[in-house]
C-alpha atoms as a PDB file:
ATOM      1  CA  MET A   1      22.533-132.064 -78.003  1.00  0.00           C
ATOM      2  CA  SER A   2      22.506-128.517 -76.680  1.00  0.00           C
ATOM      3  CA  ALA A   3      19.493-126.478 -75.666  1.00  0.00           C
ATOM      4  CA  GLU A   4      20.015-124.234 -78.698  1.00  0.00           C
ATOM      5  CA  ASP A   5      19.641-127.043 -81.230  1.00  0.00           C
ATOM      6  CA  PRO A   6      16.114-127.463 -82.594  1.00  0.00           C
ATOM      7  CA  GLN A   7      14.653-130.790 -81.498  1.00  0.00           C
ATOM      8  CA  ASP A   8      11.551-131.020 -83.666  1.00  0.00           C
ATOM      9  CA  GLY A   9      13.326-130.729 -87.001  1.00  0.00           C
ATOM     10  CA  SER A  10      12.624-127.019 -87.455  1.00  0.00           C
ATOM     11  CA  THR A  11      15.173-124.979 -89.321  1.00  0.00           C
ATOM     12  CA  GLU A  12      16.619-121.541 -88.733  1.00  0.00           C
ATOM     13  CA  GLU A  13      14.292-120.128 -91.410  1.00  0.00           C
ATOM     14  CA  ASP A  14      11.286-121.370 -89.423  1.00  0.00           C
ATOM     15  CA  ASP A  15      12.660-119.690 -86.298  1.00  0.00           C
ATOM     16  CA  GLU A  16      12.916-116.373 -88.183  1.00  0.00           C
ATOM     17  CA  ASP A  17       9.278-116.601 -89.332  1.00  0.00           C
ATOM     18  CA  LEU A  18       8.018-117.560 -85.862  1.00  0.00           C
ATOM     19  CA  ARG A  19       5.729-115.052 -84.186  1.00  0.00           C
ATOM     20  CA  TYR A  20       6.229-115.313 -80.466  1.00  0.00           C
ATOM     21  CA  PHE A  21       2.888-113.646 -79.691  1.00  0.00           C
ATOM     22  CA  VAL A  22      -0.366-114.014 -81.586  1.00  0.00           C
ATOM     23  CA  ARG A  23      -3.067-111.543 -80.604  1.00  0.00           C
ATOM     24  CA  ILE A  24      -6.708-112.619 -80.538  1.00  0.00           C
ATOM     25  CA  GLY A  25      -9.106-110.044 -79.180  1.00  0.00           C
ATOM     26  CA  GLN A  26      -7.342-108.439 -76.233  1.00  0.00           C
ATOM     27  CA  THR A  27      -5.273-111.513 -75.366  1.00  0.00           C
ATOM     28  CA  ASP A  28      -1.704-112.303 -76.378  1.00  0.00           C
ATOM     29  CA  LEU A  29      -1.287-116.023 -77.000  1.00  0.00           C
ATOM     30  CA  ASP A  30       2.031-117.873 -76.980  1.00  0.00           C
ATOM     31  CA  GLY A  31       3.175-118.497 -80.554  1.00  0.00           C
ATOM     32  CA  THR A  32       5.707-121.158 -79.584  1.00  0.00           C
ATOM     33  CA  LYS A  33       3.032-123.608 -78.398  1.00  0.00           C
ATOM     34  CA  SER A  34       0.689-125.709 -80.495  1.00  0.00           C
ATOM     35  CA  VAL A  35      -2.538-124.067 -81.664  1.00  0.00           C
ATOM     36  CA  GLU A  36      -4.747-126.085 -79.325  1.00  0.00           C
ATOM     37  CA  ARG A  37      -2.486-125.580 -76.309  1.00  0.00           C
ATOM     38  CA  SER A  38      -2.106-121.868 -76.949  1.00  0.00           C
ATOM     39  CA  LEU A  39      -5.866-121.316 -77.269  1.00  0.00           C
ATOM     40  CA  THR A  40      -6.422-122.774 -73.803  1.00  0.00           C
ATOM     41  CA  ASP A  41      -4.494-119.808 -72.349  1.00  0.00           C
ATOM     42  CA  MET A  42      -7.444-117.608 -73.306  1.00  0.00           C
ATOM     43  CA  LYS A  43     -10.150-117.211 -70.662  1.00  0.00           C
ATOM     44  CA  GLY A  44     -13.337-118.994 -71.689  1.00  0.00           C
ATOM     45  CA  ILE A  45     -11.603-121.565 -73.902  1.00  0.00           C
ATOM     46  CA  GLY A  46     -10.697-124.956 -72.492  1.00  0.00           C
ATOM     47  CA  GLN A  47      -9.199-128.024 -74.134  1.00  0.00           C
ATOM     48  CA  ARG A  48     -12.440-129.246 -75.618  1.00  0.00           C
ATOM     49  CA  THR A  49     -13.409-125.832 -76.991  1.00  0.00           C
ATOM     50  CA  ALA A  50      -9.898-125.335 -78.411  1.00  0.00           C
ATOM     51  CA  ARG A  51     -10.187-128.627 -80.276  1.00  0.00           C
ATOM     52  CA  ILE A  52     -13.540-127.537 -81.751  1.00  0.00           C
ATOM     53  CA  VAL A  53     -12.013-124.192 -82.788  1.00  0.00           C
ATOM     54  CA  THR A  54      -9.129-125.873 -84.643  1.00  0.00           C
ATOM     55  CA  GLU A  55     -11.487-128.287 -86.393  1.00  0.00           C
ATOM     56  CA  ALA A  56     -13.855-125.480 -87.429  1.00  0.00           C
ATOM     57  CA  ALA A  57     -10.936-123.391 -88.727  1.00  0.00           C
ATOM     58  CA  GLY A  58      -9.532-126.382 -90.634  1.00  0.00           C
ATOM     59  CA  ILE A  59      -6.111-126.210 -89.001  1.00  0.00           C
ATOM     60  CA  ASP A  60      -3.881-128.948 -87.617  1.00  0.00           C
ATOM     61  CA  ARG A  61      -4.204-128.647 -83.838  1.00  0.00           C
ATOM     62  CA  THR A  62      -0.598-129.731 -83.244  1.00  0.00           C
ATOM     63  CA  ALA A  63       0.902-127.079 -85.547  1.00  0.00           C
ATOM     64  CA  THR A  64       2.938-124.324 -83.931  1.00  0.00           C
ATOM     65  CA  PHE A  65       0.702-121.274 -83.600  1.00  0.00           C
ATOM     66  CA  GLY A  66       3.403-118.718 -84.465  1.00  0.00           C
ATOM     67  CA  LEU A  67       4.302-120.485 -87.729  1.00  0.00           C
ATOM     68  CA  LEU A  68       0.789-120.340 -89.211  1.00  0.00           C
ATOM     69  CA  GLU A  69       0.049-118.163 -92.228  1.00  0.00           C
ATOM     70  CA  ASP A  70      -1.928-114.933 -91.790  1.00  0.00           C
ATOM     71  CA  ASP A  71      -5.070-116.350 -93.410  1.00  0.00           C
ATOM     72  CA  GLU A  72      -4.975-119.399 -91.111  1.00  0.00           C
ATOM     73  CA  ILE A  73      -4.670-117.151 -88.050  1.00  0.00           C
ATOM     74  CA  ASP A  74      -7.534-115.023 -89.373  1.00  0.00           C
ATOM     75  CA  SER A  75      -9.702-118.123 -89.697  1.00  0.00           C
ATOM     76  CA  VAL A  76      -8.955-119.017 -86.054  1.00  0.00           C
ATOM     77  CA  VAL A  77      -9.844-115.450 -85.000  1.00  0.00           C
ATOM     78  CA  ASP A  78     -13.130-115.625 -86.935  1.00  0.00           C
ATOM     79  CA  VAL A  79     -14.071-118.900 -85.273  1.00  0.00           C
ATOM     80  CA  VAL A  80     -13.230-117.553 -81.799  1.00  0.00           C
ATOM     81  CA  GLU A  81     -15.270-114.391 -82.385  1.00  0.00           C
ATOM     82  CA  ASN A  82     -18.300-116.417 -83.576  1.00  0.00           C
ATOM     83  CA  LEU A  83     -17.863-119.310 -81.194  1.00  0.00           C
ATOM     84  CA  GLU A  84     -21.536-119.779 -80.295  1.00  0.00           C
ATOM     85  CA  SER A  85     -22.317-120.787 -83.887  1.00  0.00           C
ATOM     86  CA  HIS A  86     -19.692-123.566 -83.754  1.00  0.00           C
ATOM     87  CA  LEU A  87     -20.467-124.920 -80.276  1.00  0.00           C
ATOM     88  CA  PRO A  88     -23.495-126.951 -79.257  1.00  0.00           C
ATOM     89  CA  GLU A  89     -26.072-125.144 -77.086  1.00  0.00           C
ATOM     90  CA  TRP A  90     -25.115-127.069 -73.945  1.00  0.00           C
ATOM     91  CA  MET A  91     -21.454-126.129 -74.228  1.00  0.00           C
ATOM     92  CA  VAL A  92     -21.644-122.319 -74.289  1.00  0.00           C
ATOM     93  CA  ASN A  93     -20.639-120.520 -71.094  1.00  0.00           C
ATOM     94  CA  ARG A  94     -23.475-117.957 -71.043  1.00  0.00           C
ATOM     95  CA  GLN A  95     -26.762-119.816 -71.403  1.00  0.00           C
ATOM     96  CA  ASP A  96     -30.029-117.851 -71.257  1.00  0.00           C
ATOM     97  CA  ASP A  97     -28.546-114.442 -70.483  1.00  0.00           C
ATOM     98  CA  PHE A  98     -30.445-112.499 -67.790  1.00  0.00           C
ATOM     99  CA  PHE A  99     -31.188-109.481 -69.967  1.00  0.00           C
ATOM    100  CA  THR A 100     -31.305-110.833 -73.531  1.00  0.00           C
ATOM    101  CA  GLY A 101     -32.246-114.476 -72.957  1.00  0.00           C
ATOM    102  CA  GLU A 102     -29.754-115.562 -75.626  1.00  0.00           C
ATOM    103  CA  SER A 103     -27.065-118.203 -75.292  1.00  0.00           C
ATOM    104  CA  THR A 104     -23.584-116.912 -76.126  1.00  0.00           C
ATOM    105  CA  HIS A 105     -20.003-117.910 -75.493  1.00  0.00           C
ATOM    106  CA  ILE A 106     -17.885-115.100 -74.038  1.00  0.00           C
ATOM    107  CA  VAL A 107     -14.071-115.184 -74.075  1.00  0.00           C
ATOM    108  CA  GLY A 108     -11.230-113.005 -72.832  1.00  0.00           C
ATOM    109  CA  SER A 109     -11.676-109.867 -70.762  1.00  0.00           C
ATOM    110  CA  ASP A 110     -15.386-109.734 -71.665  1.00  0.00           C
ATOM    111  CA  LEU A 111     -15.861-112.865 -69.559  1.00  0.00           C
ATOM    112  CA  GLU A 112     -14.300-111.240 -66.487  1.00  0.00           C
ATOM    113  CA  GLU A 113     -16.355-108.067 -66.971  1.00  0.00           C
ATOM    114  CA  GLN A 114     -19.598-110.021 -67.344  1.00  0.00           C
ATOM    115  CA  ARG A 115     -18.821-112.031 -64.204  1.00  0.00           C
ATOM    116  CA  ARG A 116     -18.239-108.836 -62.200  1.00  0.00           C
ATOM    117  CA  GLN A 117     -21.541-107.408 -63.485  1.00  0.00           C
ATOM    118  CA  ASP A 118     -23.395-110.577 -62.482  1.00  0.00           C
ATOM    119  CA  ILE A 119     -21.948-110.482 -58.967  1.00  0.00           C
ATOM    120  CA  ASN A 120     -22.759-106.779 -58.666  1.00  0.00           C
ATOM    121  CA  ARG A 121     -26.367-107.426 -59.769  1.00  0.00           C
ATOM    122  CA  MET A 122     -26.733-110.205 -57.188  1.00  0.00           C
ATOM    123  CA  GLN A 123     -25.403-107.890 -54.474  1.00  0.00           C
ATOM    124  CA  MET A 124     -27.745-105.067 -55.432  1.00  0.00           C
ATOM    125  CA  ILE A 125     -30.878-107.214 -55.332  1.00  0.00           C
ATOM    126  CA  ASP A 126     -29.724-108.828 -52.071  1.00  0.00           C
ATOM    127  CA  SER A 127     -30.027-112.388 -53.277  1.00  0.00           C
ATOM    128  CA  TYR A 128     -28.594-115.101 -51.054  1.00  0.00           C
ATOM    129  CA  LYS A 129     -25.505-115.420 -53.242  1.00  0.00           C
ATOM    130  CA  GLY A 130     -25.151-111.637 -53.344  1.00  0.00           C
ATOM    131  CA  ILE A 131     -25.196-111.389 -49.556  1.00  0.00           C
ATOM    132  CA  ARG A 132     -22.564-114.126 -49.290  1.00  0.00           C
ATOM    133  CA  HIS A 133     -20.404-112.239 -51.829  1.00  0.00           C
ATOM    134  CA  LYS A 134     -20.780-109.004 -49.826  1.00  0.00           C
ATOM    135  CA  ARG A 135     -19.719-110.696 -46.605  1.00  0.00           C
ATOM    136  CA  GLY A 136     -16.798-112.466 -48.273  1.00  0.00           C
ATOM    137  CA  GLN A 137     -18.171-115.872 -47.291  1.00  0.00           C
ATOM    138  CA  LYS A 138     -18.342-119.037 -49.349  1.00  0.00           C
ATOM    139  CA  VAL A 139     -21.096-118.876 -51.937  1.00  0.00           C
ATOM    140  CA  ARG A 140     -21.587-122.350 -53.368  1.00  0.00           C
ATOM    141  CA  GLY A 141     -22.635-124.342 -50.319  1.00  0.00           C
ATOM    142  CA  GLN A 142     -19.222-125.391 -49.062  1.00  0.00           C
ATOM    143  CA  ARG A 143     -18.823-126.178 -45.389  1.00  0.00           C
ATOM    144  CA  THR A 144     -17.716-123.261 -43.259  1.00  0.00           C
ATOM    145  CA  LYS A 145     -17.376-124.780 -39.796  1.00  0.00           C
ATOM    146  CA  SER A 146     -13.693-125.556 -40.130  1.00  0.00           C
ATOM    147  CA  THR A 147     -12.561-123.866 -43.370  1.00  0.00           C
ATOM    148  CA  GLY A 148     -12.763-120.398 -44.844  1.00  0.00           C
ATOM    149  CA  ARG A 149     -11.868-118.681 -41.587  1.00  0.00           C
ATOM    150  CA  THR A 150     -10.345-115.302 -42.186  1.00  0.00           C
ATOM    151  CA  GLU A 151     -10.225-113.568 -38.812  1.00  0.00           C
ATOM    152  CA  GLY A 152      -7.661-114.294 -36.130  1.00  0.00           C
ATOM    153  CA  THR A 153      -5.810-117.476 -35.429  1.00  0.00           C
ATOM    154  CA  ILE A 154      -7.345-120.879 -35.022  1.00  0.00           C
ATOM    155  CA  GLY A 155      -6.577-122.894 -31.916  1.00  0.00           C
ATOM    156  CA  VAL A 156      -4.419-122.065 -28.932  1.00  0.00           C
ATOM    157  CA  ASN A 157      -1.568-119.590 -29.196  1.00  0.00           C
ATOM    158  CA  VAL A 158       0.995-121.214 -26.870  1.00  0.00           C
ATOM    159  CA  GLU A 159       3.558-118.419 -27.171  1.00  0.00           C
ATOM    160  CA  ARG A 160       1.088-115.775 -26.031  1.00  0.00           C
ATOM    161  CA  ILE A 161       0.056-117.909 -23.045  1.00  0.00           C
ATOM    162  CA  LYS A 162       3.705-118.381 -22.017  1.00  0.00           C
ATOM    163  CA  GLU A 163       4.326-114.621 -22.309  1.00  0.00           C
ATOM    164  CA  GLU A 164       1.282-113.874 -20.132  1.00  0.00           C
ATOM    165  CA  GLN A 165       2.434-116.435 -17.537  1.00  0.00           C
ATOM    166  CA  ALA A 166       5.928-114.900 -17.490  1.00  0.00           C
ATOM    167  CA  GLU A 167       4.433-111.412 -16.997  1.00  0.00           C
ATOM    168  CA  ASP A 168       2.210-112.687 -14.191  1.00  0.00           C
ATOM    169  CA  ALA A 169       5.167-114.396 -12.521  1.00  0.00           C
ATOM    170  CA  ALA A 170       7.260-111.219 -12.798  1.00  0.00           C
ATOM    171  CA  ALA A 171       4.409-109.163 -11.333  1.00  0.00           C
ATOM    172  CA  GLU A 172       4.032-111.618  -8.428  1.00  0.00           C
ATOM    173  CA  GLU A 173       7.766-111.556  -7.695  1.00  0.00           C
ATOM    174  CA  GLU A 174       7.725-107.763  -7.732  1.00  0.00           C
ATOM    175  CA  ALA A 175       4.702-107.711  -5.424  1.00  0.00           C
ATOM    176  CA  ALA A 176       6.387-110.235  -3.082  1.00  0.00           C
ATOM    177  CA  GLY A 177       9.548-108.130  -3.102  1.00  0.00           C
ATOM    178  CA  ASP A 178       7.547-105.039  -2.075  1.00  0.00           C
ATOM    179  CA  ASP A 179       5.867-106.930   0.793  1.00  0.00           C
ATOM    180  CA  ASP A 180       9.237-108.005   2.276  1.00  0.00           C
ATOM    181  CA  GLU A 181      10.359-104.453   2.754  1.00  0.00           C
END
């Protein structure tokens, strides 16, 4: 069996209809993977959320994403855009928003932008976490005695010590040579 032969029983007609990229929001998803697996490539959607999305859209989660019909893909897009109505309250990734107080589920580039805004707000009000972010230190209570060191080398630099000893020895020999004269 060669690498070019289809293994899963798909035909050449299926390969012609296959969309290699399916766009949801501002994210290109891999059309050659299964629906559930492809959805996990989107920021804010994990395995459990992807399974809920496929169930809410009424689509087989093991189907190849690029072979779905347009209306099936549209139903997946609708579910992803209105995800907070399909997820339980405890599962959304933005509970009790600082400004609105609502619980929403953010996906894609909006998630990254919201995270940057949250960090910026913490830095501006000089909260403990904001100060740690400003300094580039660990924020979530990890130990810092032995890890997270960013400046210089840790331990003894043997090569530098040997170089300094060689320079000192050369300087002493030169000084001893001057005294003999």
